[in-house]
Amino acid sequence: MRTPLGRVRNLGSSHSGTSDFWRQRLTAVAMTLLIVPVIVIMLMLIGRNHAGAAQILGSIPIAIILALFLIASAWHMKIGMQIVIEDYVHSETLKLVSVMANNFFCIAVALSSIYAILKLSSGV
């Protein structure tokens, strides 16, 4: 038996909402800083054949920049979709399933993208 005030003190929105807010802003800043090098890399790929693109993408600094951008993007996507799901899905079961599916999808996107970058950068 808990009073409404007791529930509010222990489970208020500031316990988790603030950290999600700041994480999403952090990933947005990271993507903003990394978008310029990513655009430069994409411009370098224009007009290249497969061998030329593989040579450019095989560079370790370029692979690191792309991997950091993809990690920040996937994390930003996960947080944003989780907030939308938590705000607009009202069934607790559907909310839980949706958040789990969102987590698995974002992890799959990040891992497959990083695998592709590592495969290109290793020259295989």
PDB file of N, CA and C in Angstrom:
ATOM      1  N   MET A   1       0.849  -1.176   0.000  1.00  0.00           N
ATOM      2  CA  MET A   1       0.000   0.000   0.000  1.00  0.00           C
ATOM      3  C   MET A   1       0.897   1.242   0.000  1.00  0.00           C
ATOM      4  N   ARG A   2       0.779   2.023  -1.066  1.00  0.00           N
ATOM      5  CA  ARG A   2       1.577   3.242  -1.153  1.00  0.00           C
ATOM      6  C   ARG A   2       0.653   4.388  -1.511  1.00  0.00           C
ATOM      7  N   THR A   3       0.975   5.516  -0.987  1.00  0.00           N
ATOM      8  CA  THR A   3       0.202   6.715  -1.325  1.00  0.00           C
ATOM      9  C   THR A   3       0.661   7.234  -2.682  1.00  0.00           C
ATOM     10  N   PRO A   4      -0.163   8.039  -3.337  1.00  0.00           N
ATOM     11  CA  PRO A   4       0.262   8.615  -4.620  1.00  0.00           C
ATOM     12  C   PRO A   4       1.547   9.428  -4.490  1.00  0.00           C
ATOM     13  N   LEU A   5       1.705  10.154  -3.385  1.00  0.00           N
ATOM     14  CA  LEU A   5       2.926  10.930  -3.189  1.00  0.00           C
ATOM     15  C   LEU A   5       4.142  10.020  -3.088  1.00  0.00           C
ATOM     16  N   GLY A   6       3.994   8.890  -2.418  1.00  0.00           N
ATOM     17  CA  GLY A   6       5.100   7.946  -2.306  1.00  0.00           C
ATOM     18  C   GLY A   6       5.494   7.370  -3.658  1.00  0.00           C
ATOM     19  N   ARG A   7       4.502   7.108  -4.511  1.00  0.00           N
ATOM     20  CA  ARG A   7       4.812   6.605  -5.853  1.00  0.00           C
ATOM     21  C   ARG A   7       5.525   7.668  -6.679  1.00  0.00           C
ATOM     22  N   VAL A   8       5.118   8.903  -6.559  1.00  0.00           N
ATOM     23  CA  VAL A   8       5.736   9.983  -7.332  1.00  0.00           C
ATOM     24  C   VAL A   8       7.178  10.203  -6.902  1.00  0.00           C
ATOM     25  N   ARG A   9       7.439  10.147  -5.648  1.00  0.00           N
ATOM     26  CA  ARG A   9       8.806  10.384  -5.165  1.00  0.00           C
ATOM     27  C   ARG A   9       9.782   9.316  -5.654  1.00  0.00           C
ATOM     28  N   ASN A  10       9.332   8.098  -5.778  1.00  0.00           N
ATOM     29  CA  ASN A  10      10.233   7.022  -6.182  1.00  0.00           C
ATOM     30  C   ASN A  10      10.261   6.782  -7.687  1.00  0.00           C
ATOM     31  N   LEU A  11       9.213   7.125  -8.400  1.00  0.00           N
ATOM     32  CA  LEU A  11       9.133   6.769  -9.807  1.00  0.00           C
ATOM     33  C   LEU A  11       8.847   7.975 -10.694  1.00  0.00           C
ATOM     34  N   GLY A  12       9.318   9.127 -10.324  1.00  0.00           N
ATOM     35  CA  GLY A  12       9.078  10.311 -11.140  1.00  0.00           C
ATOM     36  C   GLY A  12       9.797  10.249 -12.471  1.00  0.00           C
ATOM     37  N   SER A  13       9.360  11.053 -13.423  1.00  0.00           N
ATOM     38  CA  SER A  13       9.938  11.019 -14.763  1.00  0.00           C
ATOM     39  C   SER A  13      11.391  11.504 -14.789  1.00  0.00           C
ATOM     40  N   SER A  14      11.788  12.260 -13.789  1.00  0.00           N
ATOM     41  CA  SER A  14      13.158  12.781 -13.796  1.00  0.00           C
ATOM     42  C   SER A  14      14.203  11.700 -13.552  1.00  0.00           C
ATOM     43  N   HIS A  15      13.788  10.528 -13.094  1.00  0.00           N
ATOM     44  CA  HIS A  15      14.768   9.473 -12.840  1.00  0.00           C
ATOM     45  C   HIS A  15      15.335   8.891 -14.122  1.00  0.00           C
ATOM     46  N   SER A  16      14.541   8.820 -15.182  1.00  0.00           N
ATOM     47  CA  SER A  16      15.068   8.240 -16.415  1.00  0.00           C
ATOM     48  C   SER A  16      14.987   9.203 -17.593  1.00  0.00           C
ATOM     49  N   GLY A  17      14.038  10.105 -17.597  1.00  0.00           N
ATOM     50  CA  GLY A  17      13.851  10.991 -18.731  1.00  0.00           C
ATOM     51  C   GLY A  17      15.016  11.945 -18.944  1.00  0.00           C
ATOM     52  N   THR A  18      15.610  12.421 -17.882  1.00  0.00           N
ATOM     53  CA  THR A  18      16.707  13.368 -18.012  1.00  0.00           C
ATOM     54  C   THR A  18      17.932  12.711 -18.633  1.00  0.00           C
ATOM     55  N   SER A  19      18.226  11.492 -18.233  1.00  0.00           N
ATOM     56  CA  SER A  19      19.397  10.821 -18.803  1.00  0.00           C
ATOM     57  C   SER A  19      19.181  10.522 -20.282  1.00  0.00           C
ATOM     58  N   ASP A  20      17.969  10.115 -20.664  1.00  0.00           N
ATOM     59  CA  ASP A  20      17.679   9.900 -22.086  1.00  0.00           C
ATOM     60  C   ASP A  20      17.803  11.197 -22.872  1.00  0.00           C
ATOM     61  N   PHE A  21      17.344  12.283 -22.296  1.00  0.00           N
ATOM     62  CA  PHE A  21      17.427  13.594 -22.940  1.00  0.00           C
ATOM     63  C   PHE A  21      18.882  13.955 -23.220  1.00  0.00           C
ATOM     64  N   TRP A  22      19.734  13.809 -22.205  1.00  0.00           N
ATOM     65  CA  TRP A  22      21.131  14.185 -22.374  1.00  0.00           C
ATOM     66  C   TRP A  22      21.888  13.226 -23.293  1.00  0.00           C
ATOM     67  N   ARG A  23      21.562  11.927 -23.240  1.00  0.00           N
ATOM     68  CA  ARG A  23      22.198  10.976 -24.161  1.00  0.00           C
ATOM     69  C   ARG A  23      21.828  11.279 -25.605  1.00  0.00           C
ATOM     70  N   GLN A  24      20.566  11.637 -25.826  1.00  0.00           N
ATOM     71  CA  GLN A  24      20.162  11.957 -27.187  1.00  0.00           C
ATOM     72  C   GLN A  24      20.837  13.238 -27.669  1.00  0.00           C
ATOM     73  N   ARG A  25      21.011  14.214 -26.807  1.00  0.00           N
ATOM     74  CA  ARG A  25      21.717  15.434 -27.192  1.00  0.00           C
ATOM     75  C   ARG A  25      23.185  15.150 -27.449  1.00  0.00           C
ATOM     76  N   LEU A  26      23.786  14.267 -26.648  1.00  0.00           N
ATOM     77  CA  LEU A  26      25.190  13.898 -26.833  1.00  0.00           C
ATOM     78  C   LEU A  26      25.399  13.206 -28.185  1.00  0.00           C
ATOM     79  N   THR A  27      24.519  12.275 -28.527  1.00  0.00           N
ATOM     80  CA  THR A  27      24.652  11.601 -29.820  1.00  0.00           C
ATOM     81  C   THR A  27      24.372  12.559 -30.969  1.00  0.00           C
ATOM     82  N   ALA A  28      23.483  13.518 -30.767  1.00  0.00           N
ATOM     83  CA  ALA A  28      23.216  14.518 -31.816  1.00  0.00           C
ATOM     84  C   ALA A  28      24.447  15.384 -32.055  1.00  0.00           C
ATOM     85  N   VAL A  29      25.121  15.786 -30.994  1.00  0.00           N
ATOM     86  CA  VAL A  29      26.342  16.581 -31.140  1.00  0.00           C
ATOM     87  C   VAL A  29      27.431  15.752 -31.820  1.00  0.00           C
ATOM     88  N   ALA A  30      27.558  14.484 -31.436  1.00  0.00           N
ATOM     89  CA  ALA A  30      28.553  13.617 -32.064  1.00  0.00           C
ATOM     90  C   ALA A  30      28.278  13.464 -33.559  1.00  0.00           C
ATOM     91  N   MET A  31      27.013  13.264 -33.917  1.00  0.00           N
ATOM     92  CA  MET A  31      26.678  13.141 -35.336  1.00  0.00           C
ATOM     93  C   MET A  31      26.904  14.449 -36.073  1.00  0.00           C
ATOM     94  N   THR A  32      26.640  15.573 -35.431  1.00  0.00           N
ATOM     95  CA  THR A  32      26.868  16.880 -36.052  1.00  0.00           C
ATOM     96  C   THR A  32      28.348  17.096 -36.338  1.00  0.00           C
ATOM     97  N   LEU A  33      29.196  16.711 -35.391  1.00  0.00           N
ATOM     98  CA  LEU A  33      30.635  16.865 -35.600  1.00  0.00           C
ATOM     99  C   LEU A  33      31.173  15.899 -36.646  1.00  0.00           C
ATOM    100  N   LEU A  34      30.578  14.718 -36.740  1.00  0.00           N
ATOM    101  CA  LEU A  34      31.082  13.701 -37.655  1.00  0.00           C
ATOM    102  C   LEU A  34      30.477  13.792 -39.058  1.00  0.00           C
ATOM    103  N   ILE A  35      29.409  14.574 -39.236  1.00  0.00           N
ATOM    104  CA  ILE A  35      28.746  14.608 -40.541  1.00  0.00           C
ATOM    105  C   ILE A  35      29.633  15.258 -41.609  1.00  0.00           C
ATOM    106  N   VAL A  36      30.434  16.243 -41.234  1.00  0.00           N
ATOM    107  CA  VAL A  36      31.304  16.900 -42.223  1.00  0.00           C
ATOM    108  C   VAL A  36      32.325  15.916 -42.784  1.00  0.00           C
ATOM    109  N   PRO A  37      33.073  15.168 -41.950  1.00  0.00           N
ATOM    110  CA  PRO A  37      33.982  14.186 -42.534  1.00  0.00           C
ATOM    111  C   PRO A  37      33.261  13.092 -43.330  1.00  0.00           C
ATOM    112  N   VAL A  38      32.078  12.690 -42.890  1.00  0.00           N
ATOM    113  CA  VAL A  38      31.328  11.659 -43.616  1.00  0.00           C
ATOM    114  C   VAL A  38      30.924  12.179 -44.993  1.00  0.00           C
ATOM    115  N   ILE A  39      30.490  13.432 -45.070  1.00  0.00           N
ATOM    116  CA  ILE A  39      30.131  14.015 -46.370  1.00  0.00           C
ATOM    117  C   ILE A  39      31.363  14.109 -47.274  1.00  0.00           C
ATOM    118  N   VAL A  40      32.498  14.491 -46.703  1.00  0.00           N
ATOM    119  CA  VAL A  40      33.736  14.546 -47.486  1.00  0.00           C
ATOM    120  C   VAL A  40      34.093  13.156 -48.018  1.00  0.00           C
ATOM    121  N   ILE A  41      33.943  12.139 -47.188  1.00  0.00           N
ATOM    122  CA  ILE A  41      34.225  10.769 -47.623  1.00  0.00           C
ATOM    123  C   ILE A  41      33.276  10.376 -48.759  1.00  0.00           C
ATOM    124  N   MET A  42      31.995  10.696 -48.615  1.00  0.00           N
ATOM    125  CA  MET A  42      31.029  10.358 -49.666  1.00  0.00           C
ATOM    126  C   MET A  42      31.337  11.105 -50.970  1.00  0.00           C
ATOM    127  N   LEU A  43      31.783  12.349 -50.860  1.00  0.00           N
ATOM    128  CA  LEU A  43      32.157  13.098 -52.068  1.00  0.00           C
ATOM    129  C   LEU A  43      33.396  12.497 -52.733  1.00  0.00           C
ATOM    130  N   MET A  44      34.298  11.947 -51.920  1.00  0.00           N
ATOM    131  CA  MET A  44      35.481  11.296 -52.486  1.00  0.00           C
ATOM    132  C   MET A  44      35.113  10.036 -53.255  1.00  0.00           C
ATOM    133  N   LEU A  45      33.975   9.434 -52.946  1.00  0.00           N
ATOM    134  CA  LEU A  45      33.560   8.186 -53.581  1.00  0.00           C
ATOM    135  C   LEU A  45      32.832   8.409 -54.904  1.00  0.00           C
ATOM    136  N   ILE A  46      32.434   9.654 -55.185  1.00  0.00           N
ATOM    137  CA  ILE A  46      31.685   9.924 -56.414  1.00  0.00           C
ATOM    138  C   ILE A  46      32.567   9.657 -57.626  1.00  0.00           C
ATOM    139  N   GLY A  47      32.029   8.887 -58.562  1.00  0.00           N
ATOM    140  CA  GLY A  47      32.736   8.584 -59.797  1.00  0.00           C
ATOM    141  C   GLY A  47      33.781   7.494 -59.688  1.00  0.00           C
ATOM    142  N   ARG A  48      33.917   6.872 -58.552  1.00  0.00           N
ATOM    143  CA  ARG A  48      34.914   5.800 -58.379  1.00  0.00           C
ATOM    144  C   ARG A  48      34.287   4.456 -58.730  1.00  0.00           C
ATOM    145  N   ASN A  49      35.108   3.570 -59.246  1.00  0.00           N
ATOM    146  CA  ASN A  49      34.647   2.206 -59.440  1.00  0.00           C
ATOM    147  C   ASN A  49      34.789   1.442 -58.129  1.00  0.00           C
ATOM    148  N   HIS A  50      34.482   0.164 -58.138  1.00  0.00           N
ATOM    149  CA  HIS A  50      34.508  -0.625 -56.910  1.00  0.00           C
ATOM    150  C   HIS A  50      35.905  -0.667 -56.292  1.00  0.00           C
ATOM    151  N   ALA A  51      36.913  -0.822 -57.102  1.00  0.00           N
ATOM    152  CA  ALA A  51      38.284  -0.900 -56.578  1.00  0.00           C
ATOM    153  C   ALA A  51      38.713   0.426 -55.948  1.00  0.00           C
ATOM    154  N   GLY A  52      38.345   1.534 -56.587  1.00  0.00           N
ATOM    155  CA  GLY A  52      38.691   2.843 -56.030  1.00  0.00           C
ATOM    156  C   GLY A  52      37.957   3.125 -54.734  1.00  0.00           C
ATOM    157  N   ALA A  53      36.676   2.745 -54.689  1.00  0.00           N
ATOM    158  CA  ALA A  53      35.904   2.928 -53.458  1.00  0.00           C
ATOM    159  C   ALA A  53      36.440   2.054 -52.337  1.00  0.00           C
ATOM    160  N   ALA A  54      36.816   0.828 -52.674  1.00  0.00           N
ATOM    161  CA  ALA A  54      37.375  -0.071 -51.661  1.00  0.00           C
ATOM    162  C   ALA A  54      38.709   0.454 -51.137  1.00  0.00           C
ATOM    163  N   GLN A  55      39.487   1.078 -52.011  1.00  0.00           N
ATOM    164  CA  GLN A  55      40.762   1.639 -51.575  1.00  0.00           C
ATOM    165  C   GLN A  55      40.541   2.805 -50.610  1.00  0.00           C
ATOM    166  N   ILE A  56      39.595   3.677 -50.922  1.00  0.00           N
ATOM    167  CA  ILE A  56      39.300   4.811 -50.032  1.00  0.00           C
ATOM    168  C   ILE A  56      38.735   4.318 -48.711  1.00  0.00           C
ATOM    169  N   LEU A  57      37.760   3.410 -48.775  1.00  0.00           N
ATOM    170  CA  LEU A  57      37.126   2.921 -47.556  1.00  0.00           C
ATOM    171  C   LEU A  57      38.027   1.973 -46.772  1.00  0.00           C
ATOM    172  N   GLY A  58      39.118   1.513 -47.388  1.00  0.00           N
ATOM    173  CA  GLY A  58      40.055   0.637 -46.704  1.00  0.00           C
ATOM    174  C   GLY A  58      40.995   1.355 -45.766  1.00  0.00           C
ATOM    175  N   SER A  59      40.967   2.661 -45.766  1.00  0.00           N
ATOM    176  CA  SER A  59      41.829   3.443 -44.888  1.00  0.00           C
ATOM    177  C   SER A  59      41.321   3.360 -43.444  1.00  0.00           C
ATOM    178  N   ILE A  60      42.226   3.160 -42.510  1.00  0.00           N
ATOM    179  CA  ILE A  60      41.853   3.023 -41.097  1.00  0.00           C
ATOM    180  C   ILE A  60      41.194   4.292 -40.538  1.00  0.00           C
ATOM    181  N   PRO A  61      41.717   5.505 -40.774  1.00  0.00           N
ATOM    182  CA  PRO A  61      41.029   6.693 -40.238  1.00  0.00           C
ATOM    183  C   PRO A  61      39.611   6.854 -40.793  1.00  0.00           C
ATOM    184  N   ILE A  62      39.426   6.537 -42.063  1.00  0.00           N
ATOM    185  CA  ILE A  62      38.088   6.642 -42.646  1.00  0.00           C
ATOM    186  C   ILE A  62      37.169   5.603 -42.027  1.00  0.00           C
ATOM    187  N   ALA A  63      37.663   4.395 -41.813  1.00  0.00           N
ATOM    188  CA  ALA A  63      36.857   3.352 -41.176  1.00  0.00           C
ATOM    189  C   ALA A  63      36.457   3.757 -39.761  1.00  0.00           C
ATOM    190  N   ILE A  64      37.365   4.390 -39.043  1.00  0.00           N
ATOM    191  CA  ILE A  64      37.056   4.839 -37.672  1.00  0.00           C
ATOM    192  C   ILE A  64      35.994   5.927 -37.693  1.00  0.00           C
ATOM    193  N   ILE A  65      36.121   6.886 -38.596  1.00  0.00           N
ATOM    194  CA  ILE A  65      35.130   7.966 -38.697  1.00  0.00           C
ATOM    195  C   ILE A  65      33.755   7.393 -39.022  1.00  0.00           C
ATOM    196  N   LEU A  66      33.690   6.491 -39.995  1.00  0.00           N
ATOM    197  CA  LEU A  66      32.405   5.904 -40.372  1.00  0.00           C
ATOM    198  C   LEU A  66      31.818   5.062 -39.244  1.00  0.00           C
ATOM    199  N   ALA A  67      32.658   4.305 -38.548  1.00  0.00           N
ATOM    200  CA  ALA A  67      32.169   3.482 -37.438  1.00  0.00           C
ATOM    201  C   ALA A  67      31.632   4.352 -36.306  1.00  0.00           C
ATOM    202  N   LEU A  68      32.339   5.425 -35.975  1.00  0.00           N
ATOM    203  CA  LEU A  68      31.855   6.328 -34.926  1.00  0.00           C
ATOM    204  C   LEU A  68      30.533   6.973 -35.314  1.00  0.00           C
ATOM    205  N   PHE A  69      30.417   7.364 -36.578  1.00  0.00           N
ATOM    206  CA  PHE A  69      29.174   7.967 -37.046  1.00  0.00           C
ATOM    207  C   PHE A  69      28.020   6.962 -36.987  1.00  0.00           C
ATOM    208  N   LEU A  70      28.275   5.732 -37.374  1.00  0.00           N
ATOM    209  CA  LEU A  70      27.218   4.716 -37.345  1.00  0.00           C
ATOM    210  C   LEU A  70      26.819   4.347 -35.920  1.00  0.00           C
ATOM    211  N   ILE A  71      27.781   4.282 -35.013  1.00  0.00           N
ATOM    212  CA  ILE A  71      27.457   3.981 -33.612  1.00  0.00           C
ATOM    213  C   ILE A  71      26.608   5.104 -33.022  1.00  0.00           C
ATOM    214  N   ALA A  72      27.009   6.349 -33.256  1.00  0.00           N
ATOM    215  CA  ALA A  72      26.232   7.483 -32.743  1.00  0.00           C
ATOM    216  C   ALA A  72      24.835   7.506 -33.354  1.00  0.00           C
ATOM    217  N   SER A  73      24.726   7.207 -34.646  1.00  0.00           N
ATOM    218  CA  SER A  73      23.425   7.211 -35.314  1.00  0.00           C
ATOM    219  C   SER A  73      22.518   6.108 -34.777  1.00  0.00           C
ATOM    220  N   ALA A  74      23.060   4.913 -34.601  1.00  0.00           N
ATOM    221  CA  ALA A  74      22.247   3.808 -34.097  1.00  0.00           C
ATOM    222  C   ALA A  74      21.793   4.068 -32.665  1.00  0.00           C
ATOM    223  N   TRP A  75      22.670   4.622 -31.846  1.00  0.00           N
ATOM    224  CA  TRP A  75      22.319   4.929 -30.462  1.00  0.00           C
ATOM    225  C   TRP A  75      21.252   6.026 -30.424  1.00  0.00           C
ATOM    226  N   HIS A  76      21.406   7.043 -31.245  1.00  0.00           N
ATOM    227  CA  HIS A  76      20.444   8.136 -31.327  1.00  0.00           C
ATOM    228  C   HIS A  76      19.082   7.596 -31.789  1.00  0.00           C
ATOM    229  N   MET A  77      19.099   6.712 -32.775  1.00  0.00           N
ATOM    230  CA  MET A  77      17.871   6.114 -33.281  1.00  0.00           C
ATOM    231  C   MET A  77      17.182   5.291 -32.198  1.00  0.00           C
ATOM    232  N   LYS A  78      17.950   4.519 -31.443  1.00  0.00           N
ATOM    233  CA  LYS A  78      17.390   3.690 -30.386  1.00  0.00           C
ATOM    234  C   LYS A  78      16.694   4.536 -29.321  1.00  0.00           C
ATOM    235  N   ILE A  79      17.368   5.587 -28.885  1.00  0.00           N
ATOM    236  CA  ILE A  79      16.801   6.447 -27.849  1.00  0.00           C
ATOM    237  C   ILE A  79      15.539   7.145 -28.357  1.00  0.00           C
ATOM    238  N   GLY A  80      15.608   7.686 -29.563  1.00  0.00           N
ATOM    239  CA  GLY A  80      14.458   8.403 -30.113  1.00  0.00           C
ATOM    240  C   GLY A  80      13.242   7.516 -30.280  1.00  0.00           C
ATOM    241  N   MET A  81      13.433   6.325 -30.837  1.00  0.00           N
ATOM    242  CA  MET A  81      12.294   5.423 -31.025  1.00  0.00           C
ATOM    243  C   MET A  81      11.765   4.910 -29.693  1.00  0.00           C
ATOM    244  N   GLN A  82      12.646   4.692 -28.730  1.00  0.00           N
ATOM    245  CA  GLN A  82      12.187   4.229 -27.421  1.00  0.00           C
ATOM    246  C   GLN A  82      11.314   5.287 -26.758  1.00  0.00           C
ATOM    247  N   ILE A  83      11.678   6.545 -26.883  1.00  0.00           N
ATOM    248  CA  ILE A  83      10.870   7.618 -26.308  1.00  0.00           C
ATOM    249  C   ILE A  83       9.510   7.681 -26.980  1.00  0.00           C
ATOM    250  N   VAL A  84       9.485   7.552 -28.308  1.00  0.00           N
ATOM    251  CA  VAL A  84       8.208   7.566 -29.033  1.00  0.00           C
ATOM    252  C   VAL A  84       7.345   6.383 -28.599  1.00  0.00           C
ATOM    253  N   ILE A  85       7.934   5.205 -28.496  1.00  0.00           N
ATOM    254  CA  ILE A  85       7.183   4.022 -28.074  1.00  0.00           C
ATOM    255  C   ILE A  85       6.631   4.201 -26.668  1.00  0.00           C
ATOM    256  N   GLU A  86       7.475   4.672 -25.757  1.00  0.00           N
ATOM    257  CA  GLU A  86       7.023   4.837 -24.378  1.00  0.00           C
ATOM    258  C   GLU A  86       5.927   5.891 -24.249  1.00  0.00           C
ATOM    259  N   ASP A  87       5.954   6.911 -25.106  1.00  0.00           N
ATOM    260  CA  ASP A  87       4.962   7.968 -25.018  1.00  0.00           C
ATOM    261  C   ASP A  87       3.631   7.606 -25.683  1.00  0.00           C
ATOM    262  N   TYR A  88       3.671   6.834 -26.772  1.00  0.00           N
ATOM    263  CA  TYR A  88       2.462   6.656 -27.577  1.00  0.00           C
ATOM    264  C   TYR A  88       1.892   5.248 -27.596  1.00  0.00           C
ATOM    265  N   VAL A  89       2.606   4.255 -27.093  1.00  0.00           N
ATOM    266  CA  VAL A  89       2.058   2.903 -27.002  1.00  0.00           C
ATOM    267  C   VAL A  89       1.536   2.725 -25.580  1.00  0.00           C
ATOM    268  N   HIS A  90       0.233   2.442 -25.455  1.00  0.00           N
ATOM    269  CA  HIS A  90      -0.379   2.433 -24.133  1.00  0.00           C
ATOM    270  C   HIS A  90      -0.517   1.039 -23.531  1.00  0.00           C
ATOM    271  N   SER A  91      -0.531   0.007 -24.348  1.00  0.00           N
ATOM    272  CA  SER A  91      -0.595  -1.357 -23.840  1.00  0.00           C
ATOM    273  C   SER A  91       0.798  -1.746 -23.322  1.00  0.00           C
ATOM    274  N   GLU A  92       0.856  -2.185 -22.071  1.00  0.00           N
ATOM    275  CA  GLU A  92       2.155  -2.503 -21.469  1.00  0.00           C
ATOM    276  C   GLU A  92       2.845  -3.660 -22.187  1.00  0.00           C
ATOM    277  N   THR A  93       2.083  -4.668 -22.606  1.00  0.00           N
ATOM    278  CA  THR A  93       2.680  -5.805 -23.308  1.00  0.00           C
ATOM    279  C   THR A  93       3.235  -5.370 -24.655  1.00  0.00           C
ATOM    280  N   LEU A  94       2.436  -4.623 -25.405  1.00  0.00           N
ATOM    281  CA  LEU A  94       2.891  -4.142 -26.710  1.00  0.00           C
ATOM    282  C   LEU A  94       4.068  -3.191 -26.564  1.00  0.00           C
ATOM    283  N   LYS A  95       4.052  -2.380 -25.506  1.00  0.00           N
ATOM    284  CA  LYS A  95       5.161  -1.462 -25.244  1.00  0.00           C
ATOM    285  C   LYS A  95       6.456  -2.240 -24.988  1.00  0.00           C
ATOM    286  N   LEU A  96       6.383  -3.274 -24.169  1.00  0.00           N
ATOM    287  CA  LEU A  96       7.553  -4.086 -23.855  1.00  0.00           C
ATOM    288  C   LEU A  96       8.088  -4.773 -25.113  1.00  0.00           C
ATOM    289  N   VAL A  97       7.191  -5.365 -25.899  1.00  0.00           N
ATOM    290  CA  VAL A  97       7.604  -6.044 -27.128  1.00  0.00           C
ATOM    291  C   VAL A  97       8.214  -5.038 -28.108  1.00  0.00           C
ATOM    292  N   SER A  98       7.606  -3.859 -28.209  1.00  0.00           N
ATOM    293  CA  SER A  98       8.109  -2.842 -29.140  1.00  0.00           C
ATOM    294  C   SER A  98       9.486  -2.326 -28.734  1.00  0.00           C
ATOM    295  N   VAL A  99       9.684  -2.095 -27.452  1.00  0.00           N
ATOM    296  CA  VAL A  99      10.996  -1.623 -26.980  1.00  0.00           C
ATOM    297  C   VAL A  99      12.060  -2.704 -27.203  1.00  0.00           C
ATOM    298  N   MET A 100      11.708  -3.959 -26.964  1.00  0.00           N
ATOM    299  CA  MET A 100      12.665  -5.044 -27.205  1.00  0.00           C
ATOM    300  C   MET A 100      12.992  -5.152 -28.692  1.00  0.00           C
ATOM    301  N   ALA A 101      11.974  -5.064 -29.545  1.00  0.00           N
ATOM    302  CA  ALA A 101      12.207  -5.127 -30.992  1.00  0.00           C
ATOM    303  C   ALA A 101      13.066  -3.951 -31.447  1.00  0.00           C
ATOM    304  N   ASN A 102      12.817  -2.765 -30.874  1.00  0.00           N
ATOM    305  CA  ASN A 102      13.617  -1.586 -31.197  1.00  0.00           C
ATOM    306  C   ASN A 102      15.080  -1.808 -30.814  1.00  0.00           C
ATOM    307  N   ASN A 103      15.314  -2.352 -29.631  1.00  0.00           N
ATOM    308  CA  ASN A 103      16.684  -2.615 -29.188  1.00  0.00           C
ATOM    309  C   ASN A 103      17.381  -3.610 -30.112  1.00  0.00           C
ATOM    310  N   PHE A 104      16.706  -4.711 -30.430  1.00  0.00           N
ATOM    311  CA  PHE A 104      17.307  -5.714 -31.306  1.00  0.00           C
ATOM    312  C   PHE A 104      17.573  -5.154 -32.695  1.00  0.00           C
ATOM    313  N   PHE A 105      16.639  -4.363 -33.219  1.00  0.00           N
ATOM    314  CA  PHE A 105      16.814  -3.786 -34.547  1.00  0.00           C
ATOM    315  C   PHE A 105      18.013  -2.841 -34.571  1.00  0.00           C
ATOM    316  N   CYS A 106      18.117  -1.969 -33.586  1.00  0.00           N
ATOM    317  CA  CYS A 106      19.228  -1.012 -33.554  1.00  0.00           C
ATOM    318  C   CYS A 106      20.568  -1.716 -33.392  1.00  0.00           C
ATOM    319  N   ILE A 107      20.609  -2.763 -32.584  1.00  0.00           N
ATOM    320  CA  ILE A 107      21.841  -3.530 -32.424  1.00  0.00           C
ATOM    321  C   ILE A 107      22.199  -4.227 -33.728  1.00  0.00           C
ATOM    322  N   ALA A 108      21.199  -4.784 -34.414  1.00  0.00           N
ATOM    323  CA  ALA A 108      21.456  -5.473 -35.683  1.00  0.00           C
ATOM    324  C   ALA A 108      21.969  -4.500 -36.737  1.00  0.00           C
ATOM    325  N   VAL A 109      21.384  -3.312 -36.808  1.00  0.00           N
ATOM    326  CA  VAL A 109      21.832  -2.303 -37.769  1.00  0.00           C
ATOM    327  C   VAL A 109      23.265  -1.888 -37.469  1.00  0.00           C
ATOM    328  N   ALA A 110      23.556  -1.621 -36.195  1.00  0.00           N
ATOM    329  CA  ALA A 110      24.908  -1.189 -35.817  1.00  0.00           C
ATOM    330  C   ALA A 110      25.945  -2.280 -36.092  1.00  0.00           C
ATOM    331  N   LEU A 111      25.642  -3.510 -35.694  1.00  0.00           N
ATOM    332  CA  LEU A 111      26.612  -4.592 -35.887  1.00  0.00           C
ATOM    333  C   LEU A 111      26.835  -4.915 -37.365  1.00  0.00           C
ATOM    334  N   SER A 112      25.770  -4.939 -38.156  1.00  0.00           N
ATOM    335  CA  SER A 112      25.950  -5.237 -39.581  1.00  0.00           C
ATOM    336  C   SER A 112      26.705  -4.112 -40.284  1.00  0.00           C
ATOM    337  N   SER A 113      26.459  -2.876 -39.890  1.00  0.00           N
ATOM    338  CA  SER A 113      27.180  -1.749 -40.485  1.00  0.00           C
ATOM    339  C   SER A 113      28.655  -1.768 -40.102  1.00  0.00           C
ATOM    340  N   ILE A 114      28.936  -2.038 -38.851  1.00  0.00           N
ATOM    341  CA  ILE A 114      30.328  -2.093 -38.403  1.00  0.00           C
ATOM    342  C   ILE A 114      31.051  -3.284 -39.044  1.00  0.00           C
ATOM    343  N   TYR A 115      30.344  -4.403 -39.204  1.00  0.00           N
ATOM    344  CA  TYR A 115      30.938  -5.547 -39.888  1.00  0.00           C
ATOM    345  C   TYR A 115      31.310  -5.191 -41.318  1.00  0.00           C
ATOM    346  N   ALA A 116      30.428  -4.477 -42.015  1.00  0.00           N
ATOM    347  CA  ALA A 116      30.712  -4.072 -43.402  1.00  0.00           C
ATOM    348  C   ALA A 116      31.915  -3.140 -43.456  1.00  0.00           C
ATOM    349  N   ILE A 117      31.990  -2.207 -42.515  1.00  0.00           N
ATOM    350  CA  ILE A 117      33.128  -1.282 -42.488  1.00  0.00           C
ATOM    351  C   ILE A 117      34.427  -2.029 -42.200  1.00  0.00           C
ATOM    352  N   LEU A 118      34.393  -2.943 -41.234  1.00  0.00           N
ATOM    353  CA  LEU A 118      35.595  -3.725 -40.907  1.00  0.00           C
ATOM    354  C   LEU A 118      36.011  -4.608 -42.076  1.00  0.00           C
ATOM    355  N   LYS A 119      35.053  -5.174 -42.759  1.00  0.00           N
ATOM    356  CA  LYS A 119      35.375  -6.023 -43.917  1.00  0.00           C
ATOM    357  C   LYS A 119      36.010  -5.196 -45.027  1.00  0.00           C
ATOM    358  N   LEU A 120      35.478  -3.993 -45.272  1.00  0.00           N
ATOM    359  CA  LEU A 120      36.074  -3.116 -46.289  1.00  0.00           C
ATOM    360  C   LEU A 120      37.459  -2.632 -45.874  1.00  0.00           C
ATOM    361  N   SER A 121      37.603  -2.289 -44.593  1.00  0.00           N
ATOM    362  CA  SER A 121      38.890  -1.754 -44.155  1.00  0.00           C
ATOM    363  C   SER A 121      39.972  -2.823 -44.059  1.00  0.00           C
ATOM    364  N   SER A 122      39.572  -4.083 -43.903  1.00  0.00           N
ATOM    365  CA  SER A 122      40.572  -5.146 -43.843  1.00  0.00           C
ATOM    366  C   SER A 122      40.995  -5.618 -45.233  1.00  0.00           C
ATOM    367  N   GLY A 123      40.266  -5.187 -46.257  1.00  0.00           N
ATOM    368  CA  GLY A 123      40.628  -5.521 -47.625  1.00  0.00           C
ATOM    369  C   GLY A 123      40.191  -6.898 -48.061  1.00  0.00           C
ATOM    370  N   VAL A 124      39.306  -7.524 -47.321  1.00  0.00           N
ATOM    371  CA  VAL A 124      38.833  -8.872 -47.692  1.00  0.00           C
ATOM    372  C   VAL A 124      37.687  -8.781 -48.659  1.00  0.00           C
TER     373      VAL A 124
END
